[in-house]
Protein backbone atom coordinates (compact mmCIF):
# COMPACT_ATOMS: atom_id res chain seq x y z
CA MET A 1 -0.01 0.07 -0.05
CA THR A 2 1.33 3.46 -0.87
CA HIS A 3 2.44 5.41 2.03
CA VAL A 4 0.64 8.56 2.81
CA ASP A 5 1.86 10.92 5.49
CA PRO A 6 -1.27 11.72 7.75
CA GLN A 7 0.60 15.19 8.73
CA GLU A 8 0.28 16.09 5.04
CA GLU A 9 -3.10 13.88 4.33
CA VAL A 10 -5.04 16.22 7.23
CA VAL A 11 -4.65 19.20 5.36
CA GLU A 12 -6.16 17.73 2.25
CA LEU A 13 -8.88 16.30 4.31
CA CYS A 14 -9.60 19.61 5.98
CA ARG A 15 -9.89 21.37 2.86
CA ASP A 16 -12.37 18.89 1.24
CA LEU A 17 -14.77 19.49 4.40
CA ILE A 18 -14.59 23.15 4.21
CA ARG A 19 -15.61 23.20 0.71
CA PHE A 20 -18.82 21.05 1.30
CA GLU A 21 -20.09 24.17 2.33
CA SER A 22 -22.14 22.69 5.33
CA VAL A 23 -23.75 25.76 6.78
CA ASN A 24 -26.32 25.61 9.63
CA ASP A 25 -28.22 28.74 10.18
CA GLY A 26 -30.59 26.76 12.26
CA THR A 27 -33.48 27.29 9.35
CA GLY A 28 -32.95 23.98 7.91
CA ARG A 29 -32.75 25.60 4.43
CA GLY A 30 -29.18 24.76 4.05
CA LYS A 31 -28.06 21.97 1.92
CA GLY A 32 -26.81 20.38 5.12
CA GLU A 33 -24.17 17.73 6.05
CA ARG A 34 -25.05 15.02 3.56
CA GLU A 35 -21.89 15.47 1.27
CA ALA A 36 -19.62 15.79 3.99
CA ALA A 37 -21.14 12.62 5.97
CA GLU A 38 -20.81 10.79 2.58
CA TYR A 39 -17.54 11.76 2.39
CA ALA A 40 -16.23 10.89 5.82
CA ALA A 41 -18.02 7.40 5.30
CA ALA A 42 -16.13 7.02 2.08
CA LYS A 43 -12.79 7.82 3.63
CA LEU A 44 -13.15 5.49 6.46
CA ALA A 45 -14.60 2.54 4.43
CA GLU A 46 -11.61 2.98 2.08
CA VAL A 47 -9.50 1.77 4.80
CA GLY A 48 -11.53 -1.09 5.82
CA LEU A 49 -14.17 0.45 8.48
CA ASP A 50 -17.58 -0.26 8.31
CA PRO A 51 -19.33 3.57 8.65
CA GLN A 52 -22.73 3.56 9.27
CA VAL A 53 -24.60 6.82 7.80
CA PHE A 54 -27.86 8.13 9.45
CA GLU A 55 -30.18 11.04 8.09
CA SER A 56 -32.12 12.45 10.87
CA ALA A 57 -33.96 14.74 8.46
CA PRO A 58 -33.31 15.48 4.87
CA ASN A 59 -29.39 16.06 4.30
CA ARG A 60 -28.67 15.97 7.83
CA THR A 61 -26.59 13.70 8.32
CA SER A 62 -24.59 11.94 10.63
CA VAL A 63 -21.79 9.20 10.18
CA VAL A 64 -20.39 6.66 13.15
CA THR A 65 -17.95 3.64 13.12
CA ARG A 66 -16.16 1.69 15.17
CA ILE A 67 -12.26 1.20 15.51
CA GLU A 68 -11.15 -2.10 17.51
CA GLY A 69 -9.11 -1.74 20.32
CA GLU A 70 -6.00 -3.90 21.56
CA ASP A 71 -7.91 -4.63 24.58
CA ARG A 72 -11.36 -4.80 24.02
CA SER A 73 -12.27 -5.91 27.36
CA ARG A 74 -11.49 -1.94 28.71
CA PRO A 75 -14.02 0.59 28.20
CA ALA A 76 -14.37 2.43 25.04
CA LEU A 77 -13.65 6.22 24.13
CA LEU A 78 -16.02 8.20 21.70
CA ILE A 79 -14.53 10.54 19.62
CA HIS A 80 -17.07 13.27 18.11
CA GLY A 81 -16.89 16.16 15.74
CA HIS A 82 -19.61 17.96 13.96
CA LEU A 83 -19.65 18.34 10.28
CA ASP A 84 -21.95 21.53 10.25
CA VAL A 85 -20.45 25.03 10.22
CA VAL A 86 -22.04 28.49 10.94
CA PRO A 87 -23.04 31.18 7.89
CA ALA A 88 -20.23 33.48 6.33
CA GLN A 89 -20.46 36.41 4.34
CA PRO A 90 -17.84 36.05 1.73
CA GLU A 91 -17.40 39.82 1.31
CA ASP A 92 -16.16 40.12 4.85
CA TRP A 93 -13.36 37.57 4.32
CA THR A 94 -9.89 38.06 3.08
CA TYR A 95 -9.97 34.68 1.43
CA ASP A 96 -13.40 32.73 0.11
CA PRO A 97 -14.60 31.11 3.29
CA PHE A 98 -15.68 27.98 1.42
CA ALA A 99 -12.07 27.91 -1.16
CA GLY A 100 -9.99 26.18 1.67
CA GLU A 101 -7.40 28.41 0.42
CA ILE A 102 -3.53 28.16 2.14
CA ALA A 103 -2.22 31.05 2.69
CA ASP A 104 0.61 32.69 5.24
CA GLY A 105 1.24 28.70 6.58
CA MET A 106 -2.66 28.92 7.51
CA LEU A 107 -5.51 26.88 5.91
CA TRP A 108 -8.42 29.82 5.96
CA GLY A 109 -12.16 28.80 5.77
CA ARG A 110 -15.34 28.56 7.99
CA GLY A 111 -15.13 25.56 9.86
CA ALA A 112 -11.14 25.48 10.04
CA VAL A 113 -11.12 26.05 13.58
CA ASP A 114 -14.81 24.96 14.17
CA MET A 115 -14.36 22.46 14.12
CA LEU A 116 -13.51 20.71 10.85
CA ASP A 117 -9.62 20.87 11.74
CA MET A 118 -10.56 18.29 14.49
CA ASP A 119 -12.72 15.76 11.98
CA ALA A 120 -9.72 16.11 9.94
CA MET A 121 -7.10 15.04 12.09
CA THR A 122 -8.94 12.40 13.91
CA LEU A 123 -9.99 10.98 9.92
CA ALA A 124 -6.17 11.46 9.32
CA VAL A 125 -5.00 9.77 12.47
CA VAL A 126 -7.53 6.92 12.03
CA ARG A 127 -6.87 6.31 8.05
CA ASP A 128 -3.51 5.85 9.15
CA ARG A 129 -3.60 3.41 11.70
CA MET A 130 -5.90 1.37 9.71
CA ARG A 131 -3.45 1.41 6.73
CA THR A 132 -0.51 0.29 9.13
CA GLY A 133 -2.48 -2.08 11.06
CA ARG A 134 -1.89 -0.21 14.55
CA LYS A 135 -4.85 -0.82 16.61
CA PRO A 136 -5.85 1.70 19.31
CA ALA A 137 -5.17 0.71 23.20
CA ARG A 138 -9.22 0.35 23.44
CA ASP A 139 -12.25 0.68 21.37
CA VAL A 140 -12.89 3.87 19.67
CA VAL A 141 -15.80 4.86 18.56
CA LEU A 142 -16.14 7.83 16.13
CA ALA A 143 -19.17 9.98 15.43
CA LEU A 144 -19.05 12.64 12.78
CA VAL A 145 -22.45 14.49 13.44
CA ALA A 146 -25.11 17.19 12.10
CA ASP A 147 -26.80 19.76 13.64
CA GLU A 148 -24.19 21.04 16.38
CA GLU A 149 -24.40 24.58 15.67
CA ALA A 150 -28.21 24.58 16.10
CA GLY A 151 -28.07 22.71 19.43
CA GLY A 152 -27.56 19.16 18.15
CA VAL A 153 -30.94 18.09 18.04
CA LEU A 154 -30.84 16.57 14.68
CA GLY A 155 -27.14 15.30 15.55
CA ALA A 156 -25.82 14.11 18.63
CA GLN A 157 -29.30 14.05 20.37
CA TRP A 158 -30.72 12.37 17.58
CA LEU A 159 -28.18 9.66 17.88
CA VAL A 160 -28.58 9.48 21.57
CA GLN A 161 -32.29 9.10 21.74
CA ASN A 162 -32.60 6.91 18.55
CA GLN A 163 -29.06 4.73 18.10
CA PRO A 164 -27.92 4.57 22.02
CA GLN A 165 -26.34 1.11 21.09
CA LEU A 166 -24.07 2.55 19.02
CA PHE A 167 -22.17 4.01 21.76
CA GLU A 168 -22.32 0.77 24.27
CA GLY A 169 -19.41 0.94 26.69
CA CYS A 170 -18.50 4.26 25.89
CA THR A 171 -17.26 5.67 29.52
CA GLU A 172 -15.54 8.76 28.20
CA ALA A 173 -15.29 11.33 25.27
CA ILE A 174 -13.18 13.75 23.80
CA SER A 175 -13.93 16.64 21.33
CA GLU A 176 -13.78 20.22 20.37
CA VAL A 177 -12.40 23.56 21.93
CA GLY A 178 -9.93 22.16 24.05
CA GLY A 179 -6.49 21.15 24.03
CA PHE A 180 -5.25 24.14 21.98
CA SER A 181 -2.27 26.25 23.75
CA LEU A 182 -1.79 29.47 25.69
CA SER A 183 1.86 30.59 25.44
CA ILE A 184 3.59 31.72 28.47
CA ASP A 185 7.05 31.79 27.44
CA ASP A 186 9.40 30.13 25.15
CA ASP A 187 9.55 26.96 27.72
CA LEU A 188 5.87 26.75 29.11
CA ARG A 189 2.70 26.24 27.08
CA LEU A 190 -0.30 25.76 28.96
CA TYR A 191 -2.88 23.19 26.94
CA MET A 192 -6.30 24.20 27.84
CA VAL A 193 -8.47 20.98 28.46
CA GLU A 194 -12.30 21.71 28.65
CA THR A 195 -13.59 19.85 31.68
CA ALA A 196 -17.04 21.84 31.70
CA GLN A 197 -19.25 23.91 30.17
CA LYS A 198 -22.41 26.37 30.77
CA GLY A 199 -25.57 25.26 30.43
CA MET A 200 -27.91 26.93 27.80
CA ALA A 201 -30.89 28.39 28.30
CA TRP A 202 -32.20 30.44 25.15
CA MET A 203 -35.70 31.93 25.81
CA ARG A 204 -38.40 34.28 24.22
CA LEU A 205 -39.36 37.05 26.28
CA THR A 206 -43.14 38.14 25.96
CA ALA A 207 -44.50 41.25 26.81
CA ALA A 208 -48.60 42.24 26.26
CA GLY A 209 -50.36 45.33 26.21
CA THR A 210 -53.09 47.06 24.91
CA ALA A 211 -53.46 47.31 21.02
CA GLY A 212 -54.43 50.90 19.54
CA HIS A 213 -53.73 53.34 16.95
CA GLY A 214 -50.17 55.16 17.39
CA SER A 215 -51.47 58.52 17.28
CA MET A 216 -52.89 58.05 20.71
CA VAL A 217 -51.55 58.23 24.04
CA ASN A 218 -50.97 54.75 25.55
CA GLN A 219 -49.84 53.51 29.24
CA ASP A 220 -50.13 50.03 28.31
CA ASN A 221 -47.74 49.74 25.37
CA ALA A 222 -46.01 46.17 25.18
CA VAL A 223 -43.21 47.80 23.05
CA THR A 224 -42.37 50.23 26.30
CA ALA A 225 -42.68 47.16 28.76
CA LEU A 226 -40.68 44.57 26.61
CA CYS A 227 -37.79 47.41 26.01
CA GLU A 228 -37.44 48.36 29.16
CA ALA A 229 -37.20 44.86 30.82
CA VAL A 230 -34.69 43.68 27.91
CA ALA A 231 -32.76 47.07 29.03
CA ARG A 232 -32.52 46.03 32.70
CA LEU A 233 -31.61 42.56 31.61
CA GLY A 234 -28.79 43.45 29.20
CA ARG A 235 -27.31 45.89 31.80
CA HIS A 236 -27.70 43.47 34.72
CA GLU A 237 -24.38 42.23 36.09
CA PHE A 238 -24.66 38.46 37.37
CA PRO A 239 -22.70 37.77 40.17
CA VAL A 240 -19.24 35.91 40.32
CA HIS A 241 -19.46 32.06 41.20
CA MET A 242 -16.16 30.58 41.52
CA THR A 243 -16.67 26.99 40.21
CA ARG A 244 -13.87 24.12 40.77
CA THR A 245 -12.89 24.34 37.53
CA VAL A 246 -12.15 27.96 36.86
CA ARG A 247 -10.76 28.05 40.33
CA ALA A 248 -8.36 25.47 39.35
CA PHE A 249 -7.91 27.04 35.70
CA LEU A 250 -7.23 30.47 37.54
CA ASP A 251 -4.56 28.67 39.85
CA GLU A 252 -2.69 27.56 37.17
CA VAL A 253 -2.58 30.64 34.84
CA SER A 254 -2.05 33.19 37.69
CA GLY A 255 1.14 30.82 38.92
CA ALA A 256 2.05 30.72 35.28
CA PHE A 257 1.98 34.45 34.58
CA GLY A 258 3.40 35.45 38.12
CA LEU A 259 0.29 36.94 38.98
CA GLU A 260 -1.57 37.08 42.35
CA LEU A 261 -5.31 35.94 42.08
CA ASP A 262 -7.33 38.67 43.99
CA ALA A 263 -10.29 37.26 45.38
CA ASP A 264 -11.82 40.56 45.67
CA ASP A 265 -11.09 41.10 42.06
CA VAL A 266 -11.02 37.94 39.88
CA GLU A 267 -12.20 40.03 36.67
CA GLY A 268 -9.02 42.18 37.52
CA THR A 269 -6.77 39.00 36.88
CA ILE A 270 -8.57 37.97 33.99
CA ALA A 271 -8.13 40.94 32.09
CA LYS A 272 -4.62 40.48 32.08
CA LEU A 273 -4.85 37.49 29.92
CA GLY A 274 -5.40 38.84 26.87
CA PRO A 275 -7.87 37.82 24.24
CA LEU A 276 -8.27 34.56 26.57
CA ALA A 277 -10.52 36.95 28.79
CA ARG A 278 -12.93 36.72 26.46
CA ILE A 279 -13.54 32.98 27.10
CA VAL A 280 -12.63 33.00 30.71
CA GLY A 281 -14.46 36.20 31.46
CA ALA A 282 -17.84 34.33 30.58
CA THR A 283 -17.05 31.61 32.85
CA LEU A 284 -17.51 33.61 36.18
CA ARG A 285 -20.85 34.53 36.18
CA ASN A 286 -24.46 33.37 34.65
CA SER A 287 -25.15 35.46 31.52
CA ALA A 288 -28.38 36.41 29.23
CA ALA A 289 -27.80 38.50 26.33
CA PRO A 290 -30.53 39.97 24.44
CA THR A 291 -30.20 39.16 20.77
CA MET A 292 -33.34 39.69 18.99
CA LEU A 293 -36.63 42.23 19.23
CA ASP A 294 -40.02 41.57 17.26
CA ALA A 295 -43.11 43.61 17.61
CA GLY A 296 -45.44 45.34 15.31
CA TYR A 297 -46.64 45.31 11.70
CA LYS A 298 -47.42 48.63 11.18
CA HIS A 299 -46.02 52.05 11.37
CA ASN A 300 -49.05 53.45 12.96
CA VAL A 301 -50.55 50.78 15.26
CA ILE A 302 -49.39 49.97 18.60
CA PRO A 303 -49.31 46.12 18.80
CA GLY A 304 -50.82 43.88 21.73
CA THR A 305 -47.65 42.00 22.23
CA ALA A 306 -43.86 42.42 21.63
CA HIS A 307 -41.12 39.56 22.13
CA ALA A 308 -37.35 39.54 22.22
CA MET A 309 -34.96 36.24 22.11
CA VAL A 310 -32.21 35.73 24.74
CA ASP A 311 -29.22 33.87 24.86
CA GLY A 312 -29.00 32.62 28.39
CA ARG A 313 -25.64 30.54 30.07
CA TYR A 314 -25.78 29.14 33.55
CA LEU A 315 -22.58 27.85 35.31
CA PRO A 316 -23.00 24.37 36.71
CA GLY A 317 -25.04 23.98 40.02
CA HIS A 318 -26.34 27.71 39.43
CA GLU A 319 -29.22 26.67 37.67
CA ALA A 320 -31.82 27.59 40.43
CA ASP A 321 -29.64 31.19 40.83
CA PHE A 322 -30.11 31.85 37.39
CA GLU A 323 -33.90 31.23 37.15
CA ARG A 324 -34.78 33.29 40.46
CA GLU A 325 -32.46 35.96 39.34
CA LEU A 326 -34.20 36.64 35.64
CA ASP A 327 -37.51 36.68 37.19
CA ALA A 328 -36.44 39.46 39.60
CA VAL A 329 -34.89 41.40 36.88
CA LEU A 330 -37.63 41.09 34.16
CA GLY A 331 -40.59 41.38 36.59
CA PRO A 332 -43.92 39.64 36.71
CA ASP A 333 -45.12 41.10 33.58
CA ILE A 334 -42.69 39.54 31.26
CA VAL A 335 -43.71 36.04 30.37
CA ARG A 336 -40.26 33.83 29.53
CA GLU A 337 -40.49 30.75 27.88
CA TYR A 338 -37.15 28.41 26.87
CA THR A 339 -37.21 27.55 22.95
CA HIS A 340 -34.02 25.70 23.76
CA TYR A 341 -32.39 24.36 26.95
CA ASP A 342 -29.61 22.37 27.67
CA ILE A 343 -27.62 21.13 30.69
CA ALA A 344 -24.58 22.45 32.07
CA LEU A 345 -21.40 19.93 32.61
CA GLU A 346 -18.43 19.72 34.55
CA THR A 347 -16.28 16.73 35.19
CA GLU A 348 -13.00 16.40 37.28
CA PHE A 349 -9.84 16.83 35.75
CA GLU A 350 -8.15 13.57 36.86
CA GLY A 351 -7.80 9.76 36.21
CA GLU A 352 -6.07 8.01 33.52
CA LEU A 353 -7.35 9.77 30.27
CA VAL A 354 -6.04 13.27 31.70
CA GLU A 355 -2.51 11.73 32.33
CA ALA A 356 -2.68 10.16 28.72
CA MET A 357 -3.44 13.93 27.27
CA GLN A 358 -0.74 15.16 29.41
CA ARG A 359 1.83 12.38 28.32
CA SER A 360 1.09 12.76 24.49
CA LEU A 361 1.17 16.47 24.71
CA VAL A 362 4.81 16.18 26.11
CA ALA A 363 5.59 13.81 23.91
CA HIS A 364 5.31 16.36 21.28
CA ASP A 365 6.07 19.44 23.10
CA PRO A 366 8.57 19.35 26.18
CA GLY A 367 6.89 22.94 27.57
CA ALA A 368 3.58 21.58 27.57
CA ARG A 369 1.53 21.51 30.45
CA ALA A 370 -2.50 20.27 30.74
CA VAL A 371 -4.71 22.60 32.50
CA PRO A 372 -8.61 22.58 32.93
CA TYR A 373 -10.89 25.21 31.95
CA MET A 374 -14.53 25.82 31.26
CA LEU A 375 -16.16 26.74 28.01
CA SER A 376 -18.82 29.40 28.10
CA GLY A 377 -20.42 27.89 25.00
CA GLY A 378 -21.92 24.24 24.58
CA THR A 379 -21.15 21.26 22.54
CA ASP A 380 -22.53 17.97 21.61
CA ALA A 381 -20.80 16.50 24.79
CA LYS A 382 -24.21 17.88 26.62
CA SER A 383 -25.93 14.76 24.53
CA PHE A 384 -23.16 12.26 24.90
CA SER A 385 -22.90 12.81 28.47
CA ARG A 386 -26.38 11.53 28.91
CA LEU A 387 -25.18 8.08 28.46
CA GLY A 388 -22.97 8.41 31.36
CA MET A 389 -19.72 9.49 29.64
CA ARG A 390 -17.01 11.80 31.09
CA CYS A 391 -16.65 14.66 28.24
CA PHE A 392 -13.93 16.58 27.51
CA GLY A 393 -12.61 19.21 25.03
CA PHE A 394 -9.23 17.80 23.74
CA SER A 395 -8.34 19.14 20.07
CA PRO A 396 -4.68 19.29 20.35
CA LEU A 397 -3.12 22.33 18.57
CA ARG A 398 -0.13 24.15 19.21
CA LEU A 399 -0.55 27.57 18.32
CA PRO A 400 1.64 30.77 17.55
CA ALA A 401 1.64 32.99 20.78
CA ASP A 402 0.30 35.94 18.92
CA LEU A 403 -2.55 34.25 17.11
CA ASP A 404 -5.92 35.15 18.36
CA PHE A 405 -7.22 31.79 18.50
CA SER A 406 -10.75 32.19 20.51
CA GLY A 407 -11.54 35.24 17.94
CA MET A 408 -11.74 32.70 15.22
CA PHE A 409 -14.48 30.73 16.72
CA HIS A 410 -17.54 32.22 14.44
CA GLY A 411 -15.42 34.78 13.45
CA VAL A 412 -14.28 36.35 10.22
CA ASP A 413 -10.98 34.81 8.29
CA GLU A 414 -11.27 31.79 10.58
CA ARG A 415 -7.88 29.99 9.85
CA VAL A 416 -5.49 27.26 11.36
CA PRO A 417 -2.00 27.15 11.09
CA LEU A 418 -0.58 23.99 8.98
CA ALA A 419 1.95 23.10 11.58
CA SER A 420 -0.85 23.24 14.17
CA LEU A 421 -2.72 20.63 12.22
CA ALA A 422 0.49 18.38 11.72
CA PHE A 423 0.79 18.64 15.58
CA GLY A 424 -2.87 17.53 16.53
CA VAL A 425 -2.09 14.60 14.19
CA ARG A 426 0.94 13.76 16.27
CA VAL A 427 -0.45 14.23 19.56
CA LEU A 428 -3.85 12.14 18.52
CA ASP A 429 -1.73 9.30 17.53
CA ARG A 430 0.00 9.14 20.40
CA PHE A 431 -3.16 9.91 22.40
CA LEU A 432 -4.82 6.83 21.26
CA ASP A 433 -1.99 4.68 22.38
CA GLU A 434 -1.62 6.15 25.68
CA CYS A 435 -5.50 6.42 26.29
């Protein structure tokens, strides 16, 4: 069999996935993930695996396969990734977001970071191991799924509800938004492993009032009531709650930077972390960000109702606090209903899998130190955790110190260094021997 270098193949795999333009804007009108899923399934079948393809709705397609491990008596590991990406406006980008351009040592395109890079790294590693006859330490289930960018209802959630047998024996899982480096100096890089994530509470607010002619004085205007409530909520500062994951991360980071963690000004410490502060700062407190407004149908008609959409996120263990505070801020006259709700997660940063991550990182970066952190957003880990799995974000990338990686997620000019993709392939390959 012709030798294929997985560190080179990963680039072509990622470029191909970007070019499928599997945009998910939440409306269901896009062309979906089917072409990308069929491509991934073909790449897996080509090396002797037996991938299964599932379509939860037209073109909303996922692919799952199992790779036999050396010790089949051990619990299995799940590696999951999503095939959908968020929309992109080409006129805002330096390069076409769906062309998979290579420039300045980077692969540019929507999904290059979130999360077609990890999909491609996993495919490259699995294909190489199958070609060379190297089994992972234990069974690995690989799931490349649809719909994560719209909450996972037609992807991971559908699989967990309808095909749970596919994940039989899986006790741990790895996926996106973790394992990337934060450079401290030439000799130390912290690799942020996601061990927790906030819960999702997307909601619709409704204010009711008295409809009437716009020329009349109306003290019961639904638009006014809604706007006042939305303004209160948008300006409200939820209290700081230090979870064990955030505390562990801040202890590691403040020590590495030589900063003193001021318990009375935690946010002041975080502000010194540069671009990373955007991600970490949002994990100190619950949040509720107004994102959409909808009211009325004619300029001179006062509507009877007005609506707003809010992106709410709550910390692990603080769901009840979040709801009580929401109601206090909004007041009794605003009706609140959830449009999408999902759990918060938190697991311990310990155990054999964590040790395997650290060993795999150090093997390819002697200055690596794995540290836990909390993700302010959410991933498909929420669905897979319902099957009893401990879930981690571990998509290993050694990044240039000056790259604003956190700004790449859903941002303009999303891109990943080619050297980082190659590094990820090396680390994941070692990890499958260590785990």
